[in-house]
Amino acid sequence: MKLRPLKIGQLTITPKMLLLLIGALFILGIGIGATAARPNDSKSALVVCTGISMAIVGYTFLRKPEG
């Protein structure tokens, strides 16, 4: 299956952007799972994974388009 660009209004999400966003959601899910598995521990895993996810999303949408 070949991924094609997805157009939502004026926003065009390329396959590379889509893969980065899926990766960010996966990392955030790891942080949520680690926090839920250790409820008495500190929430550092959630904070670190949220920071990494936000950095990926920021990189995805703030970089200049190729071309």
PDB file of N, CA and C in Angstrom:
ATOM      1  N   MET A   1       0.845  -1.173   0.000  1.00  0.00           N
ATOM      2  CA  MET A   1       0.000   0.000   0.000  1.00  0.00           C
ATOM      3  C   MET A   1       0.892   1.237   0.000  1.00  0.00           C
ATOM      4  N   LYS A   2       0.647   2.117  -0.944  1.00  0.00           N
ATOM      5  CA  LYS A   2       1.454   3.323  -1.060  1.00  0.00           C
ATOM      6  C   LYS A   2       0.723   4.494  -0.398  1.00  0.00           C
ATOM      7  N   LEU A   3       1.443   5.232   0.427  1.00  0.00           N
ATOM      8  CA  LEU A   3       0.848   6.386   1.087  1.00  0.00           C
ATOM      9  C   LEU A   3       0.848   7.582   0.142  1.00  0.00           C
ATOM     10  N   ARG A   4      -0.249   8.309   0.136  1.00  0.00           N
ATOM     11  CA  ARG A   4      -0.363   9.508  -0.680  1.00  0.00           C
ATOM     12  C   ARG A   4      -0.558  10.714   0.235  1.00  0.00           C
ATOM     13  N   PRO A   5      -0.238  11.909  -0.249  1.00  0.00           N
ATOM     14  CA  PRO A   5      -0.475  13.110   0.566  1.00  0.00           C
ATOM     15  C   PRO A   5      -1.949  13.265   0.908  1.00  0.00           C
ATOM     16  N   LEU A   6      -2.214  13.708   2.128  1.00  0.00           N
ATOM     17  CA  LEU A   6      -3.573  13.898   2.620  1.00  0.00           C
ATOM     18  C   LEU A   6      -3.827  15.394   2.724  1.00  0.00           C
ATOM     19  N   LYS A   7      -4.886  15.878   2.082  1.00  0.00           N
ATOM     20  CA  LYS A   7      -5.187  17.307   2.105  1.00  0.00           C
ATOM     21  C   LYS A   7      -6.398  17.552   2.986  1.00  0.00           C
ATOM     22  N   ILE A   8      -6.194  18.363   4.023  1.00  0.00           N
ATOM     23  CA  ILE A   8      -7.270  18.748   4.943  1.00  0.00           C
ATOM     24  C   ILE A   8      -7.339  20.272   4.919  1.00  0.00           C
ATOM     25  N   GLY A   9      -8.306  20.810   4.214  1.00  0.00           N
ATOM     26  CA  GLY A   9      -8.395  22.256   4.067  1.00  0.00           C
ATOM     27  C   GLY A   9      -7.175  22.771   3.318  1.00  0.00           C
ATOM     28  N   GLN A  10      -6.429  23.677   3.939  1.00  0.00           N
ATOM     29  CA  GLN A  10      -5.212  24.200   3.334  1.00  0.00           C
ATOM     30  C   GLN A  10      -3.972  23.423   3.767  1.00  0.00           C
ATOM     31  N   LEU A  11      -4.131  22.502   4.688  1.00  0.00           N
ATOM     32  CA  LEU A  11      -3.014  21.716   5.208  1.00  0.00           C
ATOM     33  C   LEU A  11      -2.842  20.450   4.380  1.00  0.00           C
ATOM     34  N   THR A  12      -1.624  20.221   3.925  1.00  0.00           N
ATOM     35  CA  THR A  12      -1.301  18.997   3.209  1.00  0.00           C
ATOM     36  C   THR A  12      -0.330  18.192   4.058  1.00  0.00           C
ATOM     37  N   ILE A  13      -0.720  16.990   4.420  1.00  0.00           N
ATOM     38  CA  ILE A  13       0.117  16.114   5.234  1.00  0.00           C
ATOM     39  C   ILE A  13       0.744  15.083   4.319  1.00  0.00           C
ATOM     40  N   THR A  14       2.069  15.153   4.212  1.00  0.00           N
ATOM     41  CA  THR A  14       2.797  14.218   3.364  1.00  0.00           C
ATOM     42  C   THR A  14       2.983  12.899   4.113  1.00  0.00           C
ATOM     43  N   PRO A  15       3.331  11.838   3.401  1.00  0.00           N
ATOM     44  CA  PRO A  15       3.553  10.554   4.079  1.00  0.00           C
ATOM     45  C   PRO A  15       4.649  10.626   5.153  1.00  0.00           C
ATOM     46  N   LYS A  16       5.688  11.419   4.909  1.00  0.00           N
ATOM     47  CA  LYS A  16       6.758  11.555   5.898  1.00  0.00           C
ATOM     48  C   LYS A  16       6.237  12.234   7.165  1.00  0.00           C
ATOM     49  N   MET A  17       5.415  13.267   7.008  1.00  0.00           N
ATOM     50  CA  MET A  17       4.820  13.940   8.157  1.00  0.00           C
ATOM     51  C   MET A  17       3.908  12.990   8.926  1.00  0.00           C
ATOM     52  N   LEU A  18       3.145  12.189   8.193  1.00  0.00           N
ATOM     53  CA  LEU A  18       2.233  11.245   8.828  1.00  0.00           C
ATOM     54  C   LEU A  18       2.995  10.225   9.668  1.00  0.00           C
ATOM     55  N   LEU A  19       4.098   9.722   9.148  1.00  0.00           N
ATOM     56  CA  LEU A  19       4.908   8.767   9.908  1.00  0.00           C
ATOM     57  C   LEU A  19       5.509   9.409  11.153  1.00  0.00           C
ATOM     58  N   LEU A  20       5.943  10.669  11.056  1.00  0.00           N
ATOM     59  CA  LEU A  20       6.474  11.362  12.230  1.00  0.00           C
ATOM     60  C   LEU A  20       5.389  11.562  13.291  1.00  0.00           C
ATOM     61  N   LEU A  21       4.189  11.906  12.871  1.00  0.00           N
ATOM     62  CA  LEU A  21       3.100  12.099  13.831  1.00  0.00           C
ATOM     63  C   LEU A  21       2.686  10.786  14.487  1.00  0.00           C
ATOM     64  N   ILE A  22       2.685   9.706  13.735  1.00  0.00           N
ATOM     65  CA  ILE A  22       2.382   8.392  14.313  1.00  0.00           C
ATOM     66  C   ILE A  22       3.457   8.007  15.324  1.00  0.00           C
ATOM     67  N   GLY A  23       4.710   8.299  15.006  1.00  0.00           N
ATOM     68  CA  GLY A  23       5.804   8.028  15.940  1.00  0.00           C
ATOM     69  C   GLY A  23       5.674   8.838  17.216  1.00  0.00           C
ATOM     70  N   ALA A  24       5.252  10.108  17.091  1.00  0.00           N
ATOM     71  CA  ALA A  24       5.060  10.947  18.276  1.00  0.00           C
ATOM     72  C   ALA A  24       3.949  10.392  19.166  1.00  0.00           C
ATOM     73  N   LEU A  25       2.864   9.929  18.559  1.00  0.00           N
ATOM     74  CA  LEU A  25       1.779   9.331  19.344  1.00  0.00           C
ATOM     75  C   LEU A  25       2.232   8.042  20.025  1.00  0.00           C
ATOM     76  N   PHE A  26       3.066   7.264  19.339  1.00  0.00           N
ATOM     77  CA  PHE A  26       3.586   6.027  19.918  1.00  0.00           C
ATOM     78  C   PHE A  26       4.453   6.324  21.144  1.00  0.00           C
ATOM     79  N   ILE A  27       5.328   7.316  21.039  1.00  0.00           N
ATOM     80  CA  ILE A  27       6.189   7.688  22.169  1.00  0.00           C
ATOM     81  C   ILE A  27       5.350   8.208  23.332  1.00  0.00           C
ATOM     82  N   LEU A  28       4.333   8.998  23.045  1.00  0.00           N
ATOM     83  CA  LEU A  28       3.449   9.489  24.104  1.00  0.00           C
ATOM     84  C   LEU A  28       2.716   8.329  24.774  1.00  0.00           C
ATOM     85  N   GLY A  29       2.305   7.335  24.002  1.00  0.00           N
ATOM     86  CA  GLY A  29       1.657   6.157  24.562  1.00  0.00           C
ATOM     87  C   GLY A  29       2.580   5.371  25.477  1.00  0.00           C
ATOM     88  N   ILE A  30       3.857   5.307  25.123  1.00  0.00           N
ATOM     89  CA  ILE A  30       4.833   4.642  25.993  1.00  0.00           C
ATOM     90  C   ILE A  30       4.928   5.376  27.331  1.00  0.00           C
ATOM     91  N   GLY A  31       4.941   6.697  27.284  1.00  0.00           N
ATOM     92  CA  GLY A  31       4.993   7.475  28.525  1.00  0.00           C
ATOM     93  C   GLY A  31       3.769   7.285  29.392  1.00  0.00           C
ATOM     94  N   ILE A  32       2.597   7.252  28.773  1.00  0.00           N
ATOM     95  CA  ILE A  32       1.360   7.034  29.522  1.00  0.00           C
ATOM     96  C   ILE A  32       1.353   5.634  30.130  1.00  0.00           C
ATOM     97  N   GLY A  33       1.776   4.643  29.346  1.00  0.00           N
ATOM     98  CA  GLY A  33       1.824   3.268  29.856  1.00  0.00           C
ATOM     99  C   GLY A  33       2.794   3.104  31.003  1.00  0.00           C
ATOM    100  N   ALA A  34       3.969   3.742  30.896  1.00  0.00           N
ATOM    101  CA  ALA A  34       4.955   3.645  31.971  1.00  0.00           C
ATOM    102  C   ALA A  34       4.455   4.331  33.239  1.00  0.00           C
ATOM    103  N   THR A  35       3.747   5.439  33.077  1.00  0.00           N
ATOM    104  CA  THR A  35       3.198   6.141  34.241  1.00  0.00           C
ATOM    105  C   THR A  35       2.075   5.335  34.886  1.00  0.00           C
ATOM    106  N   ALA A  36       1.237   4.705  34.089  1.00  0.00           N
ATOM    107  CA  ALA A  36       0.137   3.910  34.633  1.00  0.00           C
ATOM    108  C   ALA A  36       0.646   2.646  35.315  1.00  0.00           C
ATOM    109  N   ALA A  37       1.750   2.110  34.832  1.00  0.00           N
ATOM    110  CA  ALA A  37       2.284   0.889  35.426  1.00  0.00           C
ATOM    111  C   ALA A  37       2.919   1.150  36.790  1.00  0.00           C
ATOM    112  N   ARG A  38       3.381   2.379  37.018  1.00  0.00           N
ATOM    113  CA  ARG A  38       4.000   2.718  38.306  1.00  0.00           C
ATOM    114  C   ARG A  38       3.313   3.949  38.885  1.00  0.00           C
ATOM    115  N   PRO A  39       2.105   3.824  39.409  1.00  0.00           N
ATOM    116  CA  PRO A  39       1.364   5.008  39.857  1.00  0.00           C
ATOM    117  C   PRO A  39       1.974   5.699  41.073  1.00  0.00           C
ATOM    118  N   ASN A  40       2.720   4.997  41.909  1.00  0.00           N
ATOM    119  CA  ASN A  40       3.284   5.619  43.102  1.00  0.00           C
ATOM    120  C   ASN A  40       4.602   6.320  42.822  1.00  0.00           C
ATOM    121  N   ASP A  41       5.193   6.054  41.668  1.00  0.00           N
ATOM    122  CA  ASP A  41       6.456   6.673  41.303  1.00  0.00           C
ATOM    123  C   ASP A  41       6.206   8.086  40.773  1.00  0.00           C
ATOM    124  N   SER A  42       7.280   8.779  40.508  1.00  0.00           N
ATOM    125  CA  SER A  42       7.128  10.119  39.943  1.00  0.00           C
ATOM    126  C   SER A  42       6.650  10.025  38.496  1.00  0.00           C
ATOM    127  N   LYS A  43       6.189  11.109  37.989  1.00  0.00           N
ATOM    128  CA  LYS A  43       5.658  11.163  36.630  1.00  0.00           C
ATOM    129  C   LYS A  43       6.736  11.563  35.623  1.00  0.00           C
ATOM    130  N   SER A  44       7.978  11.271  35.891  1.00  0.00           N
ATOM    131  CA  SER A  44       9.072  11.710  35.023  1.00  0.00           C
ATOM    132  C   SER A  44       9.010  11.057  33.647  1.00  0.00           C
ATOM    133  N   ALA A  45       8.577   9.812  33.559  1.00  0.00           N
ATOM    134  CA  ALA A  45       8.485   9.144  32.256  1.00  0.00           C
ATOM    135  C   ALA A  45       7.465   9.847  31.368  1.00  0.00           C
ATOM    136  N   LEU A  46       6.346  10.247  31.946  1.00  0.00           N
ATOM    137  CA  LEU A  46       5.323  10.945  31.178  1.00  0.00           C
ATOM    138  C   LEU A  46       5.823  12.306  30.719  1.00  0.00           C
ATOM    139  N   VAL A  47       6.533  13.014  31.587  1.00  0.00           N
ATOM    140  CA  VAL A  47       7.052  14.339  31.246  1.00  0.00           C
ATOM    141  C   VAL A  47       8.088  14.237  30.129  1.00  0.00           C
ATOM    142  N   VAL A  48       8.987  13.274  30.227  1.00  0.00           N
ATOM    143  CA  VAL A  48      10.030  13.109  29.210  1.00  0.00           C
ATOM    144  C   VAL A  48       9.414  12.712  27.871  1.00  0.00           C
ATOM    145  N   CYS A  49       8.508  11.756  27.880  1.00  0.00           N
ATOM    146  CA  CYS A  49       7.879  11.309  26.627  1.00  0.00           C
ATOM    147  C   CYS A  49       7.006  12.401  26.013  1.00  0.00           C
ATOM    148  N   THR A  50       6.348  13.195  26.842  1.00  0.00           N
ATOM    149  CA  THR A  50       5.557  14.312  26.329  1.00  0.00           C
ATOM    150  C   THR A  50       6.466  15.346  25.679  1.00  0.00           C
ATOM    151  N   GLY A  51       7.590  15.624  26.301  1.00  0.00           N
ATOM    152  CA  GLY A  51       8.546  16.570  25.725  1.00  0.00           C
ATOM    153  C   GLY A  51       9.086  16.096  24.384  1.00  0.00           C
ATOM    154  N   ILE A  52       9.421  14.831  24.302  1.00  0.00           N
ATOM    155  CA  ILE A  52       9.916  14.270  23.034  1.00  0.00           C
ATOM    156  C   ILE A  52       8.827  14.333  21.968  1.00  0.00           C
ATOM    157  N   SER A  53       7.604  13.989  22.335  1.00  0.00           N
ATOM    158  CA  SER A  53       6.496  14.025  21.377  1.00  0.00           C
ATOM    159  C   SER A  53       6.235  15.446  20.879  1.00  0.00           C
ATOM    160  N   MET A  54       6.252  16.410  21.775  1.00  0.00           N
ATOM    161  CA  MET A  54       6.034  17.800  21.376  1.00  0.00           C
ATOM    162  C   MET A  54       7.157  18.299  20.474  1.00  0.00           C
ATOM    163  N   ALA A  55       8.384  17.867  20.736  1.00  0.00           N
ATOM    164  CA  ALA A  55       9.501  18.250  19.881  1.00  0.00           C
ATOM    165  C   ALA A  55       9.330  17.677  18.469  1.00  0.00           C
ATOM    166  N   ILE A  56       8.868  16.435  18.376  1.00  0.00           N
ATOM    167  CA  ILE A  56       8.642  15.815  17.065  1.00  0.00           C
ATOM    168  C   ILE A  56       7.532  16.548  16.311  1.00  0.00           C
ATOM    169  N   VAL A  57       6.440  16.862  16.995  1.00  0.00           N
ATOM    170  CA  VAL A  57       5.332  17.569  16.353  1.00  0.00           C
ATOM    171  C   VAL A  57       5.776  18.971  15.927  1.00  0.00           C
ATOM    172  N   GLY A  58       6.517  19.653  16.775  1.00  0.00           N
ATOM    173  CA  GLY A  58       7.036  20.974  16.412  1.00  0.00           C
ATOM    174  C   GLY A  58       7.956  20.917  15.218  1.00  0.00           C
ATOM    175  N   TYR A  59       8.836  19.926  15.199  1.00  0.00           N
ATOM    176  CA  TYR A  59       9.739  19.753  14.065  1.00  0.00           C
ATOM    177  C   TYR A  59       8.954  19.466  12.789  1.00  0.00           C
ATOM    178  N   THR A  60       7.921  18.670  12.909  1.00  0.00           N
ATOM    179  CA  THR A  60       7.128  18.280  11.737  1.00  0.00           C
ATOM    180  C   THR A  60       6.436  19.482  11.100  1.00  0.00           C
ATOM    181  N   PHE A  61       5.829  20.325  11.906  1.00  0.00           N
ATOM    182  CA  PHE A  61       5.025  21.417  11.351  1.00  0.00           C
ATOM    183  C   PHE A  61       5.788  22.725  11.175  1.00  0.00           C
ATOM    184  N   LEU A  62       6.932  22.908  11.841  1.00  0.00           N
ATOM    185  CA  LEU A  62       7.631  24.194  11.743  1.00  0.00           C
ATOM    186  C   LEU A  62       8.776  24.199  10.747  1.00  0.00           C
ATOM    187  N   ARG A  63       9.167  23.038  10.236  1.00  0.00           N
ATOM    188  CA  ARG A  63      10.264  23.034   9.268  1.00  0.00           C
ATOM    189  C   ARG A  63       9.738  23.489   7.907  1.00  0.00           C
ATOM    190  N   LYS A  64      10.662  23.981   7.096  1.00  0.00           N
ATOM    191  CA  LYS A  64      10.283  24.466   5.777  1.00  0.00           C
ATOM    192  C   LYS A  64       9.977  23.301   4.853  1.00  0.00           C
ATOM    193  N   PRO A  65       8.964  23.427   4.032  1.00  0.00           N
ATOM    194  CA  PRO A  65       8.644  22.322   3.106  1.00  0.00           C
ATOM    195  C   PRO A  65       9.748  22.127   2.082  1.00  0.00           C
ATOM    196  N   GLU A  66       9.941  20.878   1.719  1.00  0.00           N
ATOM    197  CA  GLU A  66      10.966  20.552   0.735  1.00  0.00           C
ATOM    198  C   GLU A  66      10.450  20.895  -0.655  1.00  0.00           C
ATOM    199  N   GLY A  67      11.361  21.266  -1.505  1.00  0.00           N
ATOM    200  CA  GLY A  67      10.951  21.505  -2.870  1.00  0.00           C
ATOM    201  C   GLY A  67      11.403  22.758  -3.378  1.00  0.00           C
TER     202      GLY A  67
END
